[in-house]
Every structure is written in structure tokens, then in C-alpha cells.
Amino acid sequence: MTLFDENVSVEPAPRQPWRRSTVVGVWSIALAALILFALTFLPSAYVIQQPGPVFDTLGTSTNADGEEVPLISVPDEKDSTSTGQLDLLTVQVSGNRERTPTWLELALAWFDRSRAVVPIDRIFPAGQSTEQRNSENAALMTDSQNEASAAALRELGYDVPQQISVATVDDAGASAGLLQRGDIITSVDGANVTSVESIRSKVQDAAGAPVTVGFERSGIPDSVQVTPRETSSDGQTQYLLGVGLGISFDLPVDVTIQLNDVGGPSAGMMFALGIIDKMSPGDLTGGNHFAGTGTIDADGNVGPIGGIRQKLYGARDAGATYFLAPEANCNEVVGHVPDGIRVFSTSTLEQSLTVLETVRDGGDLDALPTCGSGS
């Protein structure tokens, strides 16, 4: 039987050319892979804000020695059995000037409602090192704790004297060679001053004319005439003494707040609420889980903060049911409230206490201030 003929040649069938659509598809996949590879490594000019750790001001935190200690401690604590929570919230930043997020990471964050893509200059100003930023945030946290302690004690009826002192002097400013760091400012043009704002107001009223600044240096009263320098910011004329001012308080109660590796001023209101709960009989929370944010001054005024949308999602993830938001941040809150959280707006410590007490006592929550329909 003959299986094949050696004299017969068999030519293979001609290879069919790729269809145009196939070629286009292959090149599209290759281009997409190349773009994906580039996005993985190309630097960007943005960083990502995302929900950070959550801390219960009525609970504990870890100190520098790694030990669990009360986050807030006061002498003769009235209430150590709080059944609810008063959470302060933080925002983490992914990326810095040394290592920015990749474009792929930014793309993924863009579609995540709990995260925000922001220009790097907004978080890390040009010329400011990471060490300088951390130092500044640590100082703001210390000031926030002092202001919160003063606000809480005043709300509880304590007399809390305060002093305004010179924290920094601009070497090229109006007060160079006249005022020194540590000087305690007592008056401007003969009028006693009790707040930084009152000093600014007196200087602005002088409209650039020399002002007489009364102060104490090493306990000795003195005064000096300073001619403020004119400057412009956002189209508005301002007059500056060329000094940075700080406030110190003579606290009648030794309040200790232990919170490491967290900076900035935005926990002030929650610190104040935690102090009041600790120093008051009963349970201010009524067993409910509150979270909130906001700066605070010694007079109990609650101010705006950054990253409130990320903090809303952080509160939800921590299991909070109620959220206290600064009234000044309400425009960022409306339309961005996660399911399961009810938001109330506040502009003072007294308003925040009213919210807590109304929830605890089963009062009319609809009568409390909110951030509009988004709440």
C-alpha cells in the first residue's frame, strides 16, 4: 500500500492576513499596557486625602512608652463609666514631596468617595520640609488642647485667666527691636486686650498710624510705640505688627491629654466635650456613639477644619451614629453624608452640648440645627 508519493510536493495553505479590526485591537491592548506601565511610575503633583485613625476621647490611647493610658485625665474624675463614645477623627495623607502617588493611584482615588485628590502645594507648601510641617502641626495640636481645656472649664463655671504673649518676632517687621519673644501684651493705645482678635482690631482701627503697645517683660510693665506695616491680602488692606501672638492659660484644673502622632487643631471641640463628660456626673453620651470635628477657642467658638468628607466616612467606618460638623463646613457636608449617620451643625461648644443632651434625653432631633437637606 502506498502511503505517499515522493514525487508529489504539498504546499502549505497560504496564511490568512489579520483582519484590520484584529490589528487595531492588538495595538490598542499594547498601547493600554504601555500607558498603564507609565502611570505606575510617573510622578504627579497631587496627594491623596483619606480617612485616618479614629480615637475615642473617653477611651484610651498609647503613650510614648507603648502603654495604654486614658486619652483624657482629670483629677477627681466624676464619670468613669461612660457607655457611649465621643470620637475625634483624623485624615491621612498618602504621598509627599519625596514620594507622590502614581497616576494610577490617583485614578483609583478619584472614583472613591471616601478619598480626595488635592494639589500637593495645598498640603505641603513649597519650601516647607516634612519635618517643619510636622513641627507646625504638633504646635497646633498643643494649642488646640490648651484652648479646649480652657473652653471646657469655662463651660463648667471655672474662672480661667489668660495671657497673650509674643511667640515670634519678624526680623524685618514693624516690631523688630521693640518687642521680644515672651513679652506679655496687656494693652493697645491704653485699652486692655484679652484676645488676639482684640489686638488685631485695635491695630486695624489705627489704619497705619503708630499704636502704643503695653506689655510686661520679666514681670516689669513697659510700653513701646509701633508703626504697623501695611499689606494686602485677597484685595483687602491689613496692618501688621510683625509678631506672632500666642495665648497661655492659667488652668485651675490639671487636664492631661495623651495623644501621640496626631497633629493639627481640628480635634479641639471633641477634646472639650470629652473633658466636660469626665468632669460631670452621669453619662453625657447616654450610651450613643458620637463623632465630630472642629477647632475651638477658649470662648467655646467652633471653627472650620479640612478634610471633613474623609472624616465623615471615617466616622461611618468606626460605627458612629451621630456626627457634629462645624457650621462653617456645611457647604462641604451637604450631599456627602454616608448612609447611617445623622449630621448636626454646630458653631459653639454650647450648641454641641445641646445636641448630645437632646439625643441622650430622647428629645426632638428635628429641632436641632443641621447642614440642610444633605443631613
Protein backbone atom coordinates (compact mmCIF):
# COMPACT_ATOMS: atom_id res chain seq x y z
CA MET A 1 0.00 0.00 0.00
CA THR A 2 1.41 3.40 -0.95
CA LEU A 3 1.02 5.96 1.79
CA PHE A 4 2.53 8.88 -0.08
CA ASP A 5 4.14 9.76 -3.33
CA GLU A 6 7.67 11.08 -3.09
CA ASN A 7 7.24 12.92 -6.37
CA VAL A 8 4.29 14.92 -5.19
CA SER A 9 5.03 18.15 -3.27
CA VAL A 10 2.44 19.57 -0.93
CA GLU A 11 2.42 23.32 -0.45
CA PRO A 12 1.04 24.68 2.82
CA ALA A 13 -2.10 26.77 2.64
CA PRO A 14 -1.36 30.49 2.49
CA ARG A 15 -1.60 32.26 5.90
CA GLN A 16 -4.65 34.44 6.11
CA PRO A 17 -3.77 38.09 6.87
CA TRP A 18 -5.12 39.58 10.12
CA ARG A 19 -8.27 41.48 9.76
CA ARG A 20 -7.97 45.22 10.28
CA SER A 21 -10.12 45.09 13.40
CA THR A 22 -7.80 42.48 14.89
CA VAL A 23 -4.73 44.62 14.22
CA VAL A 24 -6.41 47.65 15.77
CA GLY A 25 -7.34 45.58 18.81
CA VAL A 26 -3.82 44.26 19.32
CA TRP A 27 -2.30 47.73 19.04
CA SER A 28 -4.93 49.13 21.42
CA ILE A 29 -4.07 46.50 24.02
CA ALA A 30 -0.35 47.19 23.61
CA LEU A 31 -0.89 50.95 23.93
CA ALA A 32 -3.08 50.49 27.00
CA ALA A 33 -0.41 48.29 28.59
CA LEU A 34 2.24 50.92 27.83
CA ILE A 35 0.08 53.69 29.34
CA LEU A 36 -0.65 51.57 32.40
CA PHE A 37 3.08 50.94 32.82
CA ALA A 38 3.82 54.66 32.55
CA LEU A 39 1.04 55.60 35.00
CA THR A 40 2.52 53.19 37.52
CA PHE A 41 5.82 55.06 37.68
CA LEU A 42 5.32 58.66 36.51
CA PRO A 43 5.33 61.17 39.42
CA SER A 44 2.37 63.51 39.93
CA ALA A 45 1.70 66.89 41.51
CA TYR A 46 -1.05 65.62 43.80
CA VAL A 47 -1.56 63.75 47.05
CA ILE A 48 -4.49 61.74 48.36
CA GLN A 49 -6.50 62.52 51.49
CA GLN A 50 -8.25 59.55 53.10
CA PRO A 51 -9.88 58.66 56.42
CA GLY A 52 -7.31 58.26 59.21
CA PRO A 53 -7.37 56.67 62.66
CA VAL A 54 -10.32 57.39 64.97
CA PHE A 55 -9.84 57.99 68.71
CA ASP A 56 -12.47 57.91 71.44
CA THR A 57 -11.80 60.86 73.77
CA LEU A 58 -13.47 58.87 76.55
CA GLY A 59 -11.22 55.89 75.92
CA THR A 60 -7.50 55.23 75.92
CA SER A 61 -4.51 55.86 73.73
CA THR A 62 -0.94 54.61 73.55
CA ASN A 63 1.71 56.76 75.19
CA ALA A 64 5.36 57.14 74.15
CA ASP A 65 6.26 54.01 76.15
CA GLY A 66 3.67 51.90 74.35
CA GLU A 67 1.35 51.78 77.38
CA GLU A 68 -2.42 52.19 77.21
CA VAL A 69 -3.42 55.28 79.19
CA PRO A 70 -6.61 57.39 79.37
CA LEU A 71 -6.74 59.78 76.44
CA ILE A 72 -8.07 62.47 78.81
CA SER A 73 -7.26 62.52 82.52
CA VAL A 74 -8.57 64.97 85.12
CA PRO A 75 -8.25 64.98 88.92
CA ASP A 76 -11.28 63.73 90.86
CA GLU A 77 -12.89 62.37 87.73
CA LYS A 78 -16.65 62.39 88.17
CA ASP A 79 -17.54 59.87 85.49
CA SER A 80 -15.53 56.79 84.58
CA THR A 81 -18.38 54.64 83.29
CA SER A 82 -19.37 56.31 80.01
CA THR A 83 -21.18 53.77 77.89
CA GLY A 84 -21.00 55.76 74.65
CA GLN A 85 -18.21 57.27 72.57
CA LEU A 86 -17.01 60.74 71.61
CA ASP A 87 -14.76 60.09 68.63
CA LEU A 88 -12.27 62.54 67.23
CA LEU A 89 -11.38 61.98 63.59
CA THR A 90 -8.21 62.31 61.58
CA VAL A 91 -7.23 62.49 57.93
CA GLN A 92 -4.27 60.64 56.47
CA VAL A 93 -2.31 61.97 53.52
CA SER A 94 -0.96 59.45 51.03
CA GLY A 95 2.14 60.89 49.39
CA ASN A 96 4.55 63.74 50.00
CA ARG A 97 7.13 65.73 48.05
CA GLU A 98 9.62 62.89 48.28
CA ARG A 99 7.16 60.29 47.02
CA THR A 100 3.99 61.40 45.24
CA PRO A 101 1.18 58.96 44.37
CA THR A 102 1.27 57.49 40.86
CA TRP A 103 -1.33 58.48 38.32
CA LEU A 104 -2.87 55.03 38.66
CA GLU A 105 -3.28 55.55 42.41
CA LEU A 106 -4.81 58.97 41.76
CA ALA A 107 -7.24 57.49 39.25
CA LEU A 108 -8.38 54.87 41.74
CA ALA A 109 -8.78 57.53 44.46
CA TRP A 110 -10.76 59.77 42.14
CA PHE A 111 -13.58 57.24 41.99
CA ASP A 112 -13.57 56.58 45.75
CA ARG A 113 -15.95 58.92 47.57
CA SER A 114 -14.09 58.49 50.84
CA ARG A 115 -10.87 59.86 49.35
CA ALA A 116 -9.90 63.16 47.74
CA VAL A 117 -7.19 64.11 45.25
CA VAL A 118 -5.70 67.51 46.14
CA PRO A 119 -2.75 69.56 44.81
CA ILE A 120 0.41 68.83 46.75
CA ASP A 121 1.04 72.55 47.39
CA ARG A 122 -2.15 72.71 49.47
CA ILE A 123 -0.84 70.12 51.93
CA PHE A 124 2.92 70.60 51.58
CA PRO A 125 3.64 74.29 50.83
CA ALA A 126 6.65 74.91 48.63
CA GLY A 127 9.79 75.44 50.69
CA GLN A 128 8.39 73.68 53.76
CA SER A 129 10.01 70.39 54.70
CA THR A 130 8.11 67.42 56.10
CA GLU A 131 9.88 67.99 59.41
CA GLN A 132 8.76 71.62 59.51
CA ARG A 133 5.19 70.63 58.69
CA ASN A 134 5.14 68.00 61.44
CA SER A 135 6.55 70.50 63.93
CA GLU A 136 3.91 73.07 62.98
CA ASN A 137 1.11 70.53 63.30
CA ALA A 138 2.42 69.41 66.71
CA ALA A 139 2.35 73.02 67.91
CA LEU A 140 -1.20 73.44 66.61
CA MET A 141 -2.25 70.29 68.47
CA THR A 142 -0.77 71.61 71.73
CA ASP A 143 -2.57 74.95 71.29
CA SER A 144 -5.78 73.08 70.48
CA GLN A 145 -5.56 71.06 73.70
CA ASN A 146 -4.97 74.19 75.77
CA GLU A 147 -7.86 76.05 74.13
CA ALA A 148 -10.14 73.02 74.58
CA SER A 149 -9.23 72.71 78.26
CA ALA A 150 -9.93 76.41 78.84
CA ALA A 151 -13.24 76.25 76.93
CA ALA A 152 -14.42 73.17 78.82
CA LEU A 153 -13.51 74.57 82.23
CA ARG A 154 -15.21 77.88 81.48
CA GLU A 155 -18.32 76.00 80.36
CA LEU A 156 -18.24 74.23 83.73
CA GLY A 157 -18.09 77.55 85.55
CA TYR A 158 -14.39 77.85 86.31
CA ASP A 159 -12.51 81.14 86.07
CA VAL A 160 -9.69 80.65 83.54
CA PRO A 161 -7.37 83.67 83.24
CA GLN A 162 -5.42 84.00 80.02
CA GLN A 163 -2.44 85.95 78.76
CA ILE A 164 -1.45 87.00 75.25
CA SER A 165 2.26 86.71 74.63
CA VAL A 166 4.65 87.33 71.76
CA ALA A 167 5.53 83.95 70.25
CA THR A 168 7.62 85.15 67.29
CA VAL A 169 9.06 88.44 66.03
CA ASP A 170 9.59 89.10 62.33
CA ASP A 171 13.16 90.39 61.96
CA ALA A 172 12.01 92.65 59.15
CA GLY A 173 8.64 93.54 60.71
CA ALA A 174 7.30 96.61 62.46
CA SER A 175 8.13 95.35 65.97
CA ALA A 176 11.72 94.27 65.31
CA GLY A 177 13.93 95.61 68.09
CA LEU A 178 10.90 96.81 70.04
CA LEU A 179 9.10 93.68 71.24
CA GLN A 180 10.67 90.38 72.23
CA ARG A 181 9.54 86.78 72.33
CA GLY A 182 7.87 86.14 75.69
CA ASP A 183 6.56 89.68 76.17
CA ILE A 184 3.02 89.64 77.56
CA ILE A 185 0.77 92.09 75.70
CA THR A 186 -1.54 93.95 78.08
CA SER A 187 -2.94 96.90 76.12
CA VAL A 188 -3.08 98.72 72.78
CA ASP A 189 -3.48 102.50 72.84
CA GLY A 190 -4.45 102.34 76.50
CA ALA A 191 -7.25 99.79 76.03
CA ASN A 192 -6.85 96.44 77.83
CA VAL A 193 -6.73 93.48 75.43
CA THR A 194 -7.88 89.98 76.32
CA SER A 195 -7.73 88.20 72.96
CA VAL A 196 -5.68 88.10 69.80
CA GLU A 197 -8.69 89.38 67.89
CA SER A 198 -8.98 92.44 70.13
CA ILE A 199 -5.35 93.33 69.38
CA ARG A 200 -5.88 92.91 65.65
CA SER A 201 -9.00 95.06 65.81
CA LYS A 202 -7.21 97.91 67.59
CA VAL A 203 -4.33 97.79 65.09
CA GLN A 204 -6.73 97.83 62.12
CA ASP A 205 -8.67 100.74 63.60
CA ALA A 206 -5.45 102.78 63.72
CA ALA A 207 -5.22 102.41 59.91
CA GLY A 208 -1.43 102.51 59.84
CA ALA A 209 -0.92 105.18 62.48
CA PRO A 210 1.52 104.40 65.33
CA VAL A 211 -0.02 102.48 68.25
CA THR A 212 1.19 102.25 71.82
CA VAL A 213 1.62 98.64 72.87
CA GLY A 214 1.64 97.97 76.61
CA PHE A 215 3.44 94.83 77.74
CA GLU A 216 5.17 93.07 80.59
CA ARG A 217 8.70 91.75 80.26
CA SER A 218 10.02 89.57 83.08
CA GLY A 219 7.19 90.89 85.25
CA ILE A 220 8.05 94.56 84.65
CA PRO A 221 5.38 96.74 82.91
CA ASP A 222 6.51 98.77 79.92
CA SER A 223 5.20 100.21 76.65
CA VAL A 224 6.50 100.97 73.18
CA GLN A 225 5.22 102.77 70.12
CA VAL A 226 4.94 100.62 66.99
CA THR A 227 4.03 101.74 63.48
CA PRO A 228 2.19 98.84 61.78
CA ARG A 229 3.21 97.84 58.25
CA GLU A 230 0.59 97.92 55.54
CA THR A 231 -0.01 94.80 53.48
CA SER A 232 -2.68 93.46 51.13
CA SER A 233 -4.30 90.03 51.19
CA ASP A 234 -7.10 88.92 48.86
CA GLY A 235 -7.65 92.53 47.88
CA GLN A 236 -8.03 93.72 51.47
CA THR A 237 -5.65 96.09 53.23
CA GLN A 238 -4.27 94.90 56.55
CA TYR A 239 -1.90 96.41 59.08
CA LEU A 240 0.57 94.14 60.88
CA LEU A 241 2.69 94.49 63.99
CA GLY A 242 5.10 91.89 62.66
CA VAL A 243 4.69 89.49 65.57
CA GLY A 244 3.13 86.10 66.08
CA LEU A 245 0.90 86.00 69.14
CA GLY A 246 0.09 83.06 71.40
CA ILE A 247 -2.32 82.56 74.28
CA SER A 248 -1.44 80.88 77.56
CA PHE A 249 -3.95 79.92 80.21
CA ASP A 250 -3.79 79.60 83.97
CA LEU A 251 -5.87 76.43 84.24
CA PRO A 252 -7.39 75.85 87.70
CA VAL A 253 -7.61 72.10 86.97
CA ASP A 254 -4.75 69.95 85.73
CA VAL A 255 -6.11 68.46 82.50
CA THR A 256 -3.90 65.90 80.75
CA ILE A 257 -4.49 64.89 77.13
CA GLN A 258 -2.43 61.98 75.80
CA LEU A 259 -2.48 61.56 72.03
CA ASN A 260 0.72 60.78 70.11
CA ASP A 261 1.43 61.12 66.40
CA VAL A 262 -1.60 63.30 65.71
CA GLY A 263 -1.25 66.95 64.76
CA GLY A 264 -3.35 69.96 63.85
CA PRO A 265 -6.12 71.88 65.62
CA SER A 266 -9.25 70.08 64.38
CA ALA A 267 -9.81 67.87 67.46
CA GLY A 268 -10.42 70.82 69.78
CA MET A 269 -14.18 70.54 70.08
CA MET A 270 -14.12 66.80 70.78
CA PHE A 271 -11.40 67.30 73.42
CA ALA A 272 -13.63 69.87 75.14
CA LEU A 273 -16.65 67.54 75.10
CA GLY A 274 -14.54 64.71 76.49
CA ILE A 275 -13.25 66.90 79.34
CA ILE A 276 -16.78 68.02 80.23
CA ASP A 277 -18.01 64.41 80.26
CA LYS A 278 -15.14 63.36 82.52
CA MET A 279 -15.76 66.23 84.94
CA SER A 280 -19.54 65.92 85.07
CA PRO A 281 -21.68 63.35 86.88
CA GLY A 282 -23.60 60.92 84.71
CA ASP A 283 -23.03 59.93 81.11
CA LEU A 284 -23.13 62.79 78.62
CA THR A 285 -23.45 60.40 75.67
CA GLY A 286 -26.36 58.36 77.01
CA GLY A 287 -24.69 55.29 75.51
CA ASN A 288 -24.73 56.75 71.99
CA HIS A 289 -21.84 56.80 69.55
CA PHE A 290 -20.92 60.35 68.52
CA ALA A 291 -18.14 61.53 66.24
CA GLY A 292 -17.21 65.07 65.37
CA THR A 293 -14.64 67.61 64.37
CA GLY A 294 -13.93 71.31 64.67
CA THR A 295 -11.43 73.74 66.10
CA ILE A 296 -12.30 75.53 69.31
CA ASP A 297 -11.14 78.66 71.08
CA ALA A 298 -11.16 79.40 74.79
CA ASP A 299 -14.54 81.14 74.46
CA GLY A 300 -16.12 77.99 73.04
CA ASN A 301 -16.39 79.05 69.41
CA VAL A 302 -16.22 76.12 66.98
CA GLY A 303 -14.32 76.73 63.74
CA PRO A 304 -13.92 75.03 60.36
CA ILE A 305 -11.47 72.27 59.53
CA GLY A 306 -10.10 70.49 56.46
CA GLY A 307 -10.92 67.04 55.11
CA ILE A 308 -14.44 66.87 56.52
CA ARG A 309 -15.66 64.48 53.81
CA GLN A 310 -12.95 61.99 54.69
CA LYS A 311 -13.85 62.39 58.36
CA LEU A 312 -17.50 61.64 57.62
CA TYR A 313 -16.50 58.31 56.08
CA GLY A 314 -14.08 57.66 58.92
CA ALA A 315 -16.94 58.17 61.38
CA ARG A 316 -19.16 55.78 59.45
CA ASP A 317 -16.46 53.11 59.34
CA ALA A 318 -15.96 53.49 63.11
CA GLY A 319 -19.66 52.84 63.72
CA ALA A 320 -20.74 56.34 64.76
CA THR A 321 -24.43 57.18 64.52
CA TYR A 322 -24.28 60.95 65.06
CA PHE A 323 -21.82 63.48 63.67
CA LEU A 324 -21.06 67.03 64.85
CA ALA A 325 -19.89 69.24 61.97
CA PRO A 326 -18.72 72.87 62.17
CA GLU A 327 -21.36 75.15 60.72
CA ALA A 328 -18.68 76.76 58.55
CA ASN A 329 -18.10 73.38 56.83
CA CYS A 330 -21.75 72.73 55.99
CA ASN A 331 -21.30 73.53 52.30
CA GLU A 332 -18.86 70.61 52.10
CA VAL A 333 -21.17 68.29 54.04
CA VAL A 334 -24.39 68.60 52.04
CA GLY A 335 -24.64 65.77 49.53
CA HIS A 336 -21.70 63.87 51.00
CA VAL A 337 -23.15 62.21 54.10
CA PRO A 338 -22.67 58.43 54.16
CA ASP A 339 -25.67 56.25 54.91
CA GLY A 340 -26.26 55.52 58.58
CA ILE A 341 -25.03 58.84 60.03
CA ARG A 342 -27.08 61.83 61.10
CA VAL A 343 -25.21 65.14 60.93
CA PHE A 344 -25.82 68.17 63.15
CA SER A 345 -24.12 71.51 62.64
CA THR A 346 -22.56 73.50 65.45
CA SER A 347 -20.80 76.81 65.90
CA THR A 348 -20.29 76.78 69.67
CA LEU A 349 -19.45 74.33 72.42
CA GLU A 350 -22.82 75.08 73.99
CA GLN A 351 -24.62 74.02 70.80
CA SER A 352 -22.60 70.79 70.71
CA LEU A 353 -23.62 70.03 74.29
CA THR A 354 -27.25 70.71 73.39
CA VAL A 355 -27.04 68.10 70.61
CA LEU A 356 -25.56 65.48 72.97
CA GLU A 357 -28.12 66.18 75.68
CA THR A 358 -31.06 66.14 73.25
CA VAL A 359 -30.00 62.77 71.81
CA ARG A 360 -29.34 61.37 75.29
CA ASP A 361 -32.70 62.51 76.65
CA GLY A 362 -34.72 61.41 73.62
CA GLY A 363 -35.62 64.97 72.64
CA ASP A 364 -36.74 66.41 69.32
CA LEU A 365 -33.78 65.84 66.98
CA ASP A 366 -35.59 67.59 64.11
CA ALA A 367 -35.37 70.83 66.07
CA LEU A 368 -31.57 70.72 66.14
CA PRO A 369 -29.50 72.64 63.55
CA THR A 370 -28.32 70.58 60.57
CA CYS A 371 -26.37 71.14 57.38
CA GLY A 372 -29.50 71.25 55.24
CA SER A 373 -31.13 68.55 53.15
CA GLY A 374 -27.87 66.60 52.87
CA SER A 375 -28.18 65.70 56.54
